[in-house]
Protein backbone atom coordinates (compact mmCIF):
# COMPACT_ATOMS: atom_id res chain seq x y z
CA MET A 1 -23.75 27.97 -32.17
CA SER A 2 -21.99 24.97 -31.63
CA THR A 3 -18.23 26.35 -31.70
CA PRO A 4 -18.75 28.51 -28.41
CA ILE A 5 -20.01 25.87 -26.69
CA LYS A 6 -17.29 23.20 -27.53
CA LEU A 7 -14.59 26.15 -26.88
CA CYS A 8 -16.26 26.52 -23.36
CA GLU A 9 -16.16 22.54 -23.24
CA ILE A 10 -12.17 22.40 -24.07
CA ALA A 11 -11.58 25.66 -21.49
CA ALA A 12 -12.96 23.86 -19.17
CA ASN A 13 -11.16 20.57 -19.79
CA VAL A 14 -8.12 22.11 -19.61
CA ARG A 15 -8.85 23.86 -15.94
CA ALA A 16 -9.91 20.63 -14.81
CA LYS A 17 -6.38 18.87 -16.08
CA ARG A 18 -4.44 22.31 -14.26
CA ALA A 19 -6.15 21.62 -11.26
CA ARG A 20 -5.38 17.77 -11.20
CA ARG A 21 -1.66 18.30 -12.04
CA LYS A 22 -1.40 21.26 -9.27
CA GLU A 23 -3.23 18.59 -6.80
CA ALA A 24 -0.57 15.84 -7.91
CA ARG A 25 2.51 18.03 -7.93
CA PRO A 26 3.33 17.59 -4.41
CA GLY A 27 3.10 13.82 -4.59
CA GLU A 28 5.38 14.29 -8.18
CA LEU A 29 7.93 15.94 -6.30
CA LEU A 30 8.11 13.61 -3.40
CA ALA A 31 8.99 11.04 -5.59
CA ALA A 32 11.16 12.76 -7.67
CA ALA A 33 13.09 14.12 -4.34
CA LEU A 34 12.91 10.42 -2.90
CA ALA A 35 14.68 8.82 -6.02
CA LEU A 36 17.32 11.34 -6.68
CA PHE A 37 17.92 11.39 -2.91
CA VAL A 38 18.77 7.78 -2.97
CA GLU A 39 20.28 7.69 -5.62
CA LYS A 40 22.97 10.45 -4.79
CA GLY A 41 22.63 11.60 -1.29
CA PHE A 42 21.01 14.72 0.54
CA ALA A 43 23.99 16.86 0.05
CA ALA A 44 24.77 16.09 -3.82
CA THR A 45 21.01 16.49 -4.94
CA ARG A 46 20.10 19.87 -5.78
CA ALA A 47 16.72 21.31 -5.85
CA GLU A 48 16.61 22.26 -9.41
CA GLU A 49 17.14 18.25 -10.37
CA ILE A 50 14.11 17.41 -7.95
CA ALA A 51 12.24 19.99 -9.90
CA GLN A 52 13.09 18.82 -13.09
CA ARG A 53 12.40 15.25 -12.63
CA ALA A 54 9.18 16.30 -11.35
CA GLY A 55 8.34 18.39 -14.36
CA VAL A 56 8.29 21.54 -12.81
CA SER A 57 10.32 24.90 -12.07
CA LYS A 58 12.35 25.22 -9.12
CA GLY A 59 10.23 28.21 -8.20
CA THR A 60 7.49 26.12 -8.34
CA LEU A 61 8.71 23.20 -5.67
CA PHE A 62 9.61 26.40 -3.30
CA LEU A 63 5.98 26.77 -3.62
CA TYR A 64 5.20 23.79 -2.04
CA PHE A 65 8.35 23.11 -0.10
CA ALA A 66 10.36 26.40 1.75
CA SER A 67 13.80 24.49 1.36
CA LYS A 68 15.52 21.15 0.60
CA GLU A 69 15.49 20.07 4.14
CA GLU A 70 11.84 20.57 4.15
CA LEU A 71 11.51 18.43 1.19
CA PHE A 72 13.40 15.69 2.59
CA LYS A 73 11.77 15.90 5.78
CA ALA A 74 8.14 15.59 3.88
CA VAL A 75 9.61 12.54 2.24
CA VAL A 76 10.11 10.87 5.40
CA ARG A 77 6.68 11.91 6.92
CA GLU A 78 5.30 10.75 3.82
CA ASN A 79 6.80 6.99 3.76
CA ILE A 80 8.18 6.34 7.02
CA SER A 81 7.00 8.18 10.09
CA GLY A 82 3.40 9.06 8.86
CA ARG A 83 2.91 5.38 8.57
CA PHE A 84 3.81 4.56 12.53
CA PRO A 85 0.21 4.75 13.83
CA GLU A 86 -1.21 2.34 11.16
CA TRP A 87 1.66 -0.02 12.29
CA ARG A 88 0.94 0.48 15.84
CA ALA A 89 -2.72 -0.52 15.43
CA LYS A 90 -1.79 -3.57 13.52
CA LEU A 91 0.21 -4.42 16.20
CA GLU A 92 -2.19 -3.88 18.99
CA LEU A 93 -5.42 -5.88 17.14
CA PHE A 94 -3.01 -8.98 16.51
CA GLU A 95 -4.52 -12.16 17.98
CA GLY A 96 -1.83 -14.65 17.38
CA SER A 97 1.42 -15.37 19.44
CA THR A 98 4.04 -13.15 19.77
CA ALA A 99 6.52 -15.22 17.64
CA GLU A 100 4.12 -14.96 14.91
CA LEU A 101 3.72 -11.22 15.45
CA LEU A 102 7.56 -11.06 15.39
CA ARG A 103 8.08 -12.84 12.14
CA THR A 104 5.06 -10.57 10.39
CA PHE A 105 6.54 -7.56 11.68
CA MET A 106 9.91 -8.33 10.27
CA THR A 107 8.68 -10.22 6.92
CA GLN A 108 6.15 -7.22 6.37
CA TRP A 109 8.86 -4.53 6.94
CA TRP A 110 10.75 -5.91 4.23
CA SER A 111 8.11 -6.03 1.59
CA HIS A 112 6.49 -2.92 2.55
CA VAL A 113 9.71 -0.90 3.28
CA GLY A 114 13.10 -2.78 2.91
CA ASP A 115 12.58 -3.56 -0.69
CA THR A 116 11.17 -0.19 -1.95
CA PRO A 117 13.23 2.74 -2.19
CA ILE A 118 12.44 4.64 0.87
CA SER A 119 14.88 1.75 2.69
CA GLY A 120 17.79 4.03 0.72
CA ILE A 121 17.13 6.45 3.60
CA THR A 122 18.67 4.34 5.64
CA LYS A 123 21.83 4.48 3.81
CA LEU A 124 21.97 8.06 3.64
CA MET A 125 21.27 8.98 7.00
CA THR A 126 24.07 6.49 8.47
CA SER A 127 26.30 8.22 5.49
CA GLU A 128 25.05 12.03 5.93
CA ALA A 129 23.79 12.29 9.51
CA SER A 130 26.98 13.87 10.93
CA ASN A 131 26.99 16.55 8.15
CA PHE A 132 23.38 17.65 8.74
CA PRO A 133 22.61 17.56 12.55
CA GLU A 134 19.31 19.04 11.84
CA LEU A 135 18.01 16.73 9.85
CA ALA A 136 19.65 13.63 12.28
CA THR A 137 17.73 14.95 14.89
CA PHE A 138 14.54 15.16 13.00
CA TYR A 139 14.98 11.65 11.89
CA GLU A 140 15.83 10.16 15.12
CA ASN A 141 12.72 11.68 16.58
CA GLU A 142 10.48 10.72 13.56
CA VAL A 143 12.00 7.01 12.67
CA ILE A 144 14.32 5.89 15.14
CA ARG A 145 12.52 6.43 18.43
CA PRO A 146 9.21 5.37 17.33
CA GLY A 147 10.54 2.53 15.39
CA ASP A 148 12.30 1.42 18.89
CA ALA A 149 9.45 1.67 20.80
CA LEU A 150 7.46 -0.48 18.35
CA ILE A 151 9.88 -3.39 18.22
CA ARG A 152 9.99 -2.60 22.27
CA SER A 153 6.38 -3.35 22.37
CA ILE A 154 6.34 -6.57 20.91
CA LEU A 155 9.30 -8.00 22.88
CA GLN A 156 7.52 -6.79 26.04
CA ARG A 157 4.15 -8.38 25.16
CA GLY A 158 5.97 -11.41 24.50
CA ILE A 159 7.82 -11.02 27.98
CA ALA A 160 4.03 -10.24 29.67
CA ARG A 161 2.48 -13.29 27.84
CA GLY A 162 5.12 -15.81 29.32
CA GLU A 163 6.50 -16.56 25.36
CA PHE A 164 9.92 -14.70 25.70
CA HIS A 165 12.19 -14.92 28.77
CA THR A 166 12.96 -11.54 30.23
CA ILE A 167 15.78 -9.79 28.38
CA ASP A 168 17.60 -6.34 28.78
CA LEU A 169 15.07 -4.39 26.13
CA LYS A 170 17.27 -1.70 25.16
CA TYR A 171 19.98 -4.10 23.50
CA GLY A 172 17.04 -6.51 22.58
CA VAL A 173 15.57 -3.73 20.16
CA TYR A 174 18.74 -3.59 18.27
CA THR A 175 18.70 -7.36 18.09
CA VAL A 176 15.95 -7.35 16.07
CA LEU A 177 16.85 -4.16 14.13
CA ALA A 178 20.35 -5.36 13.17
CA PRO A 179 19.33 -7.90 10.52
CA MET A 180 16.55 -5.23 8.63
CA LEU A 181 19.43 -2.49 8.65
CA PHE A 182 21.90 -5.19 7.44
CA LEU A 183 19.43 -5.71 4.70
CA ALA A 184 18.68 -2.24 3.68
CA MET A 185 22.15 -1.28 3.58
CA TRP A 186 23.66 -4.29 1.57
CA LYS A 187 20.63 -3.49 -0.90
CA HIS A 188 21.66 0.27 -1.21
CA SER A 189 25.04 -0.49 -1.29
CA PHE A 190 25.54 -2.88 -3.79
CA GLY A 191 22.44 -2.25 -6.48
CA PRO A 192 21.02 -4.86 -8.44
CA ASN A 193 23.80 -7.12 -7.96
CA SER A 194 22.72 -7.30 -3.82
CA PHE A 195 20.49 -10.23 -4.19
CA GLY A 196 20.02 -13.48 -5.97
CA PRO A 197 20.50 -17.18 -5.69
CA ASP A 198 24.25 -17.42 -5.73
CA ARG A 199 24.24 -14.03 -2.91
CA ILE A 200 21.68 -13.29 -0.61
CA VAL A 201 17.91 -14.22 -1.17
CA PRO A 202 16.29 -11.82 1.48
CA GLU A 203 13.64 -14.08 2.53
CA GLU A 204 15.40 -16.60 3.30
CA TYR A 205 17.71 -14.50 5.19
CA LEU A 206 15.44 -12.99 6.99
CA ALA A 207 13.63 -16.63 8.00
CA VAL A 208 17.08 -17.70 9.41
CA GLN A 209 17.75 -14.36 11.33
CA ILE A 210 14.11 -14.67 12.91
CA ASP A 211 14.32 -18.36 13.77
CA THR A 212 17.75 -17.27 15.50
CA ILE A 213 16.29 -14.45 17.49
CA LEU A 214 13.26 -16.40 18.15
CA ASN A 215 15.41 -19.17 19.72
CA GLY A 216 17.24 -17.04 21.91
CA LEU A 217 14.09 -15.40 23.11
CA GLY A 218 12.15 -18.22 24.03
CA VAL A 219 11.48 -19.66 27.39
CA ARG A 220 13.57 -22.70 28.29
CA PRO A 221 11.90 -24.89 30.64
CA PRO A 222 13.50 -25.24 34.33
CA PRO A 223 16.58 -28.05 34.00
CA THR A 224 15.88 -31.32 35.57
CA ILE A 225 17.27 -32.05 38.97
CA THR A 226 17.62 -36.04 39.17
CA ALA A 227 17.36 -37.22 42.71
CA LYS A 228 20.92 -39.06 43.49
């Protein structure tokens, strides 16, 4: 009598494991795709390679994602654009000075994005966007424009509170972006040798850049006029 019960339990466990495996597959495919896109670029990465790294068949990959392009879009949404609501909410709830907010934004960007594989998508898009105009448009709408808007909001906050002097926000956004993009490009261009005591220490580099930006943005006292 015990054998049939054990067999039923084994079968139930197998079905449960398969169900869990099925639920995990999209995440595994996204992780495999991200790793290969960063390693090889979009054009050079084949769907078969992604499926193999995720431990599934090519047919299984296409059950979840209609094409390699759709898989790339899902990678970007999962790791970057899908996080903008969370980042904007943190900005709106921040109670400190705008200088503190900008410093927090840039340092957390490094720890949560720049110092992770997803920052390799920046280099990928820089090098391959012209060959894939649809993906370039997607990336602009999903990442570049929301990112610009987030930085613009920080700068506008500082200006409105009298903490920053008025600047051309169009180019002010690029001033903040420039050191962040540089770090991402540097990291994925030179690999493990990008950083170190004898080269660039990312946290130290960002600290200097942030101080430089804040010194430029800070409201200056009016010149003192001495009576003659």
